[in-house]
């Protein structure tokens, strides 16, 4: 397992090409990435201390997190390191952990708060 930034992950997967096609987006390194949990059919999205670690909390569809970095495990599962902004209860606010990225829909903002892009 190895640790990479979300930006590196986007380049690796080819998703970053549209961002880098715009020279005005040189500040992408300073982007704030805000994500909503989505796509859960049942249960909660496990918040873990490390990728594939034992969950210490769960998030519901609609909860909000800030993503910082990503890791790809040996099974090619992408794990995002996140900080909980709005969870199912106030005790989770500010907690940091890893979640499976396939359950996040994210929006990217530059340093001034201007919208850059949205992931599905």
N, C-alpha and C. Protein backbone atom coordinates (compact mmCIF):
# COMPACT_ATOMS: atom_id res chain seq x y z
N UNK A 1 0.85 -1.17 0.00
CA UNK A 1 0.00 0.00 0.00
C UNK A 1 0.89 1.23 0.00
N UNK A 2 0.48 2.28 -0.72
CA UNK A 2 1.26 3.50 -0.73
C UNK A 2 0.34 4.69 -0.66
N UNK A 3 0.87 5.81 -0.17
CA UNK A 3 0.07 7.01 0.07
C UNK A 3 0.36 8.02 -1.04
N UNK A 4 -0.70 8.59 -1.58
CA UNK A 4 -0.55 9.62 -2.59
C UNK A 4 -1.56 10.72 -2.34
N UNK A 5 -1.33 11.87 -2.90
CA UNK A 5 -2.27 12.96 -2.74
C UNK A 5 -3.45 12.76 -3.69
N UNK A 6 -4.54 13.43 -3.40
CA UNK A 6 -5.71 13.36 -4.27
C UNK A 6 -5.33 13.86 -5.66
N UNK A 7 -4.51 14.89 -5.72
CA UNK A 7 -4.08 15.41 -7.01
C UNK A 7 -3.32 14.34 -7.79
N UNK A 8 -2.39 13.66 -7.14
CA UNK A 8 -1.65 12.59 -7.82
C UNK A 8 -2.59 11.49 -8.26
N UNK A 9 -3.58 11.21 -7.42
CA UNK A 9 -4.55 10.18 -7.75
C UNK A 9 -5.34 10.56 -8.99
N UNK A 10 -5.70 11.83 -9.11
CA UNK A 10 -6.43 12.29 -10.29
C UNK A 10 -5.58 12.17 -11.54
N UNK A 11 -4.32 12.52 -11.42
CA UNK A 11 -3.43 12.39 -12.58
C UNK A 11 -3.28 10.93 -12.95
N UNK A 12 -3.07 10.07 -11.94
CA UNK A 12 -2.89 8.64 -12.16
C UNK A 12 -4.11 8.04 -12.86
N UNK A 13 -5.31 8.44 -12.46
CA UNK A 13 -6.53 7.88 -13.04
C UNK A 13 -6.97 8.62 -14.29
N UNK A 14 -6.31 9.72 -14.63
CA UNK A 14 -6.67 10.47 -15.82
C UNK A 14 -7.75 11.51 -15.59
N UNK A 15 -8.24 11.62 -14.36
CA UNK A 15 -9.32 12.57 -14.08
C UNK A 15 -8.81 13.99 -13.96
N UNK A 16 -7.52 14.18 -13.76
CA UNK A 16 -6.97 15.52 -13.57
C UNK A 16 -6.69 16.26 -14.86
N UNK A 17 -6.85 15.62 -15.99
CA UNK A 17 -6.49 16.24 -17.26
C UNK A 17 -7.33 17.48 -17.53
N UNK A 18 -8.62 17.43 -17.25
CA UNK A 18 -9.46 18.59 -17.53
C UNK A 18 -9.08 19.77 -16.64
N UNK A 19 -8.63 19.51 -15.43
CA UNK A 19 -8.21 20.58 -14.53
C UNK A 19 -6.94 21.24 -15.05
N UNK A 20 -5.98 20.43 -15.51
CA UNK A 20 -4.71 20.98 -15.95
C UNK A 20 -4.77 21.58 -17.34
N UNK A 21 -5.86 21.37 -18.05
CA UNK A 21 -6.02 21.98 -19.36
C UNK A 21 -6.24 23.47 -19.27
N UNK A 22 -6.56 23.97 -18.09
CA UNK A 22 -6.83 25.39 -17.86
C UNK A 22 -5.65 25.99 -17.09
N UNK A 23 -4.82 26.83 -17.73
CA UNK A 23 -3.66 27.38 -17.05
C UNK A 23 -4.01 28.22 -15.83
N UNK A 24 -5.22 28.73 -15.77
CA UNK A 24 -5.63 29.53 -14.61
C UNK A 24 -5.78 28.67 -13.37
N UNK A 25 -5.74 27.37 -13.52
CA UNK A 25 -5.95 26.47 -12.40
C UNK A 25 -4.63 25.98 -11.82
N UNK A 26 -3.58 26.76 -11.93
CA UNK A 26 -2.29 26.37 -11.36
C UNK A 26 -2.37 26.25 -9.85
N UNK A 27 -3.41 26.85 -9.24
CA UNK A 27 -3.56 26.80 -7.79
C UNK A 27 -4.30 25.55 -7.32
N UNK A 28 -4.44 24.55 -8.17
CA UNK A 28 -5.16 23.33 -7.81
C UNK A 28 -4.54 22.66 -6.58
N UNK A 29 -3.24 22.84 -6.37
CA UNK A 29 -2.58 22.24 -5.21
C UNK A 29 -3.15 22.76 -3.90
N UNK A 30 -3.71 23.95 -3.92
CA UNK A 30 -4.30 24.54 -2.73
C UNK A 30 -5.81 24.36 -2.67
N UNK A 31 -6.33 23.47 -3.48
CA UNK A 31 -7.77 23.26 -3.54
C UNK A 31 -8.30 22.69 -2.23
N UNK A 32 -9.51 23.11 -1.90
CA UNK A 32 -10.26 22.51 -0.80
C UNK A 32 -11.27 21.57 -1.44
N UNK A 33 -11.30 20.34 -0.98
CA UNK A 33 -12.17 19.33 -1.57
C UNK A 33 -13.23 18.94 -0.54
N UNK A 34 -14.49 19.29 -0.83
CA UNK A 34 -15.61 19.01 0.06
C UNK A 34 -16.46 17.93 -0.59
N UNK A 35 -16.76 16.88 0.18
CA UNK A 35 -17.46 15.72 -0.37
C UNK A 35 -18.69 15.38 0.46
N UNK A 36 -19.68 14.82 -0.22
CA UNK A 36 -20.87 14.28 0.44
C UNK A 36 -20.86 12.77 0.28
N UNK A 37 -21.26 12.10 1.34
CA UNK A 37 -21.42 10.65 1.28
C UNK A 37 -22.66 10.37 0.45
N UNK A 38 -22.55 9.42 -0.49
CA UNK A 38 -23.69 9.06 -1.34
C UNK A 38 -23.54 7.61 -1.79
N UNK A 39 -24.66 7.04 -2.20
CA UNK A 39 -24.64 5.71 -2.80
C UNK A 39 -24.75 4.54 -1.85
N UNK A 40 -24.91 4.81 -0.56
CA UNK A 40 -25.06 3.69 0.38
C UNK A 40 -26.45 3.09 0.23
N UNK A 41 -26.53 1.80 0.04
CA UNK A 41 -27.81 1.12 -0.08
C UNK A 41 -28.33 0.69 1.29
N UNK A 42 -27.42 0.41 2.19
CA UNK A 42 -27.78 0.05 3.57
C UNK A 42 -26.61 0.33 4.48
N UNK A 43 -26.87 0.48 5.75
CA UNK A 43 -25.81 0.70 6.71
C UNK A 43 -25.13 2.05 6.56
N UNK A 44 -23.91 2.12 7.07
CA UNK A 44 -23.14 3.36 7.07
C UNK A 44 -21.80 3.15 6.37
N UNK A 45 -21.20 4.27 5.95
CA UNK A 45 -19.86 4.25 5.39
C UNK A 45 -18.87 4.25 6.55
N UNK A 46 -18.05 3.22 6.62
CA UNK A 46 -17.11 3.07 7.74
C UNK A 46 -16.02 4.13 7.69
N UNK A 47 -15.79 4.77 8.81
CA UNK A 47 -14.68 5.70 9.00
C UNK A 47 -13.61 4.93 9.78
N UNK A 48 -12.41 4.82 9.20
CA UNK A 48 -11.38 3.93 9.73
C UNK A 48 -10.10 4.70 10.04
N UNK A 49 -9.29 4.21 10.99
CA UNK A 49 -8.03 4.89 11.31
C UNK A 49 -6.98 4.74 10.21
N UNK A 50 -7.09 3.72 9.39
CA UNK A 50 -6.23 3.50 8.23
C UNK A 50 -7.04 2.73 7.20
N UNK A 51 -6.61 2.72 5.94
CA UNK A 51 -7.34 1.98 4.92
C UNK A 51 -7.54 0.52 5.34
N UNK A 52 -8.77 0.05 5.21
CA UNK A 52 -9.14 -1.32 5.56
C UNK A 52 -9.01 -1.62 7.04
N UNK A 53 -8.82 -0.59 7.86
CA UNK A 53 -8.70 -0.79 9.30
C UNK A 53 -10.07 -1.02 9.93
N UNK A 54 -10.05 -1.31 11.22
CA UNK A 54 -11.29 -1.54 11.95
C UNK A 54 -12.05 -0.21 12.11
N UNK A 55 -13.31 -0.15 11.69
CA UNK A 55 -14.07 1.11 11.76
C UNK A 55 -14.22 1.61 13.20
N UNK A 56 -14.13 2.92 13.37
CA UNK A 56 -14.39 3.52 14.67
C UNK A 56 -15.66 4.37 14.65
N UNK A 57 -16.24 4.58 13.47
CA UNK A 57 -17.47 5.36 13.34
C UNK A 57 -18.08 5.09 11.97
N UNK A 58 -19.31 5.57 11.78
CA UNK A 58 -19.97 5.41 10.49
C UNK A 58 -20.60 6.71 10.04
N UNK A 59 -20.65 6.89 8.72
CA UNK A 59 -21.26 8.08 8.12
C UNK A 59 -22.47 7.67 7.30
N UNK A 60 -23.44 8.56 7.19
CA UNK A 60 -24.66 8.30 6.44
C UNK A 60 -24.65 9.06 5.11
N UNK A 61 -25.51 8.64 4.18
CA UNK A 61 -25.72 9.41 2.95
C UNK A 61 -26.04 10.85 3.34
N UNK A 62 -25.42 11.80 2.65
CA UNK A 62 -25.66 13.21 2.92
C UNK A 62 -24.70 13.84 3.91
N UNK A 63 -23.96 13.05 4.68
CA UNK A 63 -22.95 13.61 5.58
C UNK A 63 -21.85 14.27 4.76
N UNK A 64 -21.17 15.26 5.34
CA UNK A 64 -20.17 16.04 4.62
C UNK A 64 -18.79 15.85 5.24
N UNK A 65 -17.78 15.70 4.36
CA UNK A 65 -16.39 15.56 4.79
C UNK A 65 -15.49 16.43 3.92
N UNK A 66 -14.31 16.73 4.42
CA UNK A 66 -13.27 17.38 3.62
C UNK A 66 -12.21 16.33 3.34
N UNK A 67 -11.88 16.13 2.06
CA UNK A 67 -10.88 15.14 1.67
C UNK A 67 -9.51 15.79 1.58
N UNK A 68 -8.49 15.06 2.06
CA UNK A 68 -7.11 15.58 2.07
C UNK A 68 -6.17 14.80 1.17
N UNK A 69 -6.26 13.51 1.19
CA UNK A 69 -5.30 12.67 0.47
C UNK A 69 -5.97 11.34 0.13
N UNK A 70 -5.32 10.58 -0.70
CA UNK A 70 -5.85 9.28 -1.08
C UNK A 70 -4.78 8.21 -1.06
N UNK A 71 -5.22 6.98 -0.90
CA UNK A 71 -4.34 5.82 -0.90
C UNK A 71 -5.01 4.74 -1.73
N UNK A 72 -4.23 4.02 -2.49
CA UNK A 72 -4.74 2.88 -3.24
C UNK A 72 -4.19 1.63 -2.58
N UNK A 73 -5.08 0.69 -2.19
CA UNK A 73 -4.58 -0.53 -1.54
C UNK A 73 -4.24 -1.60 -2.57
N UNK A 74 -3.82 -2.75 -2.09
CA UNK A 74 -3.37 -3.83 -2.96
C UNK A 74 -4.49 -4.39 -3.85
N UNK A 75 -5.75 -4.11 -3.50
CA UNK A 75 -6.89 -4.54 -4.32
C UNK A 75 -7.40 -3.42 -5.22
N UNK A 76 -6.62 -2.36 -5.35
CA UNK A 76 -6.96 -1.19 -6.16
C UNK A 76 -8.19 -0.44 -5.66
N UNK A 77 -8.48 -0.56 -4.37
CA UNK A 77 -9.54 0.23 -3.74
C UNK A 77 -8.92 1.57 -3.36
N UNK A 78 -9.61 2.65 -3.71
CA UNK A 78 -9.13 4.00 -3.38
C UNK A 78 -9.75 4.42 -2.05
N UNK A 79 -8.89 4.77 -1.12
CA UNK A 79 -9.30 5.24 0.20
C UNK A 79 -8.94 6.72 0.31
N UNK A 80 -9.91 7.55 0.71
CA UNK A 80 -9.66 8.97 0.92
C UNK A 80 -9.50 9.24 2.41
N UNK A 81 -8.47 10.04 2.74
CA UNK A 81 -8.33 10.51 4.11
C UNK A 81 -9.22 11.74 4.23
N UNK A 82 -10.12 11.74 5.21
CA UNK A 82 -11.12 12.80 5.33
C UNK A 82 -11.22 13.31 6.76
N UNK A 83 -11.77 14.52 6.85
CA UNK A 83 -12.12 15.11 8.14
C UNK A 83 -13.63 15.33 8.11
N UNK A 84 -14.33 14.88 9.12
CA UNK A 84 -15.79 15.00 9.16
C UNK A 84 -16.17 16.45 9.43
N UNK A 85 -16.98 17.01 8.53
CA UNK A 85 -17.51 18.37 8.71
C UNK A 85 -18.90 18.29 9.33
N UNK A 86 -19.74 17.40 8.78
CA UNK A 86 -21.09 17.19 9.32
C UNK A 86 -21.38 15.70 9.25
N UNK A 87 -21.38 15.07 10.39
CA UNK A 87 -21.64 13.63 10.47
C UNK A 87 -23.02 13.35 11.03
N UNK A 88 -23.28 12.10 11.38
CA UNK A 88 -24.59 11.74 11.93
C UNK A 88 -24.83 12.31 13.32
N UNK A 89 -23.74 12.73 14.00
CA UNK A 89 -23.87 13.39 15.30
C UNK A 89 -22.68 14.31 15.52
N UNK A 90 -22.82 15.23 16.44
CA UNK A 90 -21.78 16.25 16.65
C UNK A 90 -20.48 15.68 17.20
N UNK A 91 -20.50 14.51 17.79
CA UNK A 91 -19.28 13.91 18.33
C UNK A 91 -18.29 13.52 17.24
N UNK A 92 -18.77 13.36 16.01
CA UNK A 92 -17.88 13.00 14.90
C UNK A 92 -17.27 14.21 14.21
N UNK A 93 -17.82 15.39 14.43
CA UNK A 93 -17.30 16.60 13.79
C UNK A 93 -15.82 16.77 14.14
N UNK A 94 -15.00 16.93 13.09
CA UNK A 94 -13.58 17.12 13.28
C UNK A 94 -12.76 15.84 13.31
N UNK A 95 -13.42 14.68 13.41
CA UNK A 95 -12.68 13.41 13.42
C UNK A 95 -12.07 13.16 12.05
N UNK A 96 -10.91 12.54 12.03
CA UNK A 96 -10.18 12.25 10.80
C UNK A 96 -10.04 10.75 10.65
N UNK A 97 -10.22 10.27 9.42
CA UNK A 97 -10.06 8.84 9.14
C UNK A 97 -10.12 8.59 7.65
N UNK A 98 -10.19 7.33 7.29
CA UNK A 98 -10.23 6.92 5.88
C UNK A 98 -11.59 6.32 5.54
N UNK A 99 -12.05 6.61 4.31
CA UNK A 99 -13.30 6.04 3.80
C UNK A 99 -13.06 5.54 2.38
N UNK A 100 -13.89 4.61 1.95
CA UNK A 100 -13.84 4.13 0.57
C UNK A 100 -14.35 5.25 -0.33
N UNK A 101 -13.52 5.68 -1.27
CA UNK A 101 -13.85 6.86 -2.08
C UNK A 101 -15.02 6.67 -3.02
N UNK A 102 -15.41 5.44 -3.31
CA UNK A 102 -16.51 5.25 -4.26
C UNK A 102 -17.85 5.73 -3.70
N UNK A 103 -17.88 6.04 -2.40
CA UNK A 103 -19.11 6.54 -1.79
C UNK A 103 -19.06 8.04 -1.53
N UNK A 104 -18.15 8.75 -2.21
CA UNK A 104 -18.05 10.20 -2.06
C UNK A 104 -18.29 10.90 -3.38
N UNK A 105 -19.01 12.00 -3.33
CA UNK A 105 -19.17 12.90 -4.46
C UNK A 105 -18.59 14.23 -4.02
N UNK A 106 -17.57 14.73 -4.75
CA UNK A 106 -16.78 15.86 -4.26
C UNK A 106 -16.85 17.08 -5.16
N UNK A 107 -16.71 18.24 -4.52
CA UNK A 107 -16.58 19.52 -5.22
C UNK A 107 -15.25 20.13 -4.80
N UNK A 108 -14.57 20.73 -5.78
CA UNK A 108 -13.25 21.33 -5.57
C UNK A 108 -13.38 22.85 -5.61
N UNK A 109 -12.72 23.53 -4.66
CA UNK A 109 -12.73 24.99 -4.57
C UNK A 109 -11.29 25.50 -4.46
N UNK A 110 -11.02 26.66 -5.07
CA UNK A 110 -9.68 27.24 -4.97
C UNK A 110 -9.55 28.01 -3.65
N UNK A 111 -8.39 28.66 -3.46
CA UNK A 111 -8.10 29.37 -2.21
C UNK A 111 -9.09 30.47 -1.89
N UNK A 112 -9.69 31.07 -2.93
CA UNK A 112 -10.66 32.14 -2.73
C UNK A 112 -12.08 31.61 -2.58
N UNK A 113 -12.26 30.30 -2.62
CA UNK A 113 -13.58 29.71 -2.48
C UNK A 113 -14.34 29.58 -3.79
N UNK A 114 -13.67 29.85 -4.91
CA UNK A 114 -14.30 29.71 -6.22
C UNK A 114 -14.39 28.25 -6.61
N UNK A 115 -15.52 27.87 -7.14
CA UNK A 115 -15.74 26.50 -7.59
C UNK A 115 -14.80 26.16 -8.74
N UNK A 116 -14.14 25.00 -8.67
CA UNK A 116 -13.24 24.55 -9.73
C UNK A 116 -13.89 23.43 -10.54
N UNK A 117 -14.32 22.38 -9.86
CA UNK A 117 -14.88 21.22 -10.56
C UNK A 117 -15.69 20.37 -9.59
N UNK A 118 -16.45 19.46 -10.17
CA UNK A 118 -17.24 18.53 -9.37
C UNK A 118 -17.01 17.12 -9.89
N UNK A 119 -16.79 16.21 -8.98
CA UNK A 119 -16.68 14.80 -9.33
C UNK A 119 -18.07 14.18 -9.23
N UNK A 120 -18.33 13.17 -10.03
CA UNK A 120 -19.67 12.55 -9.98
C UNK A 120 -19.98 11.92 -8.64
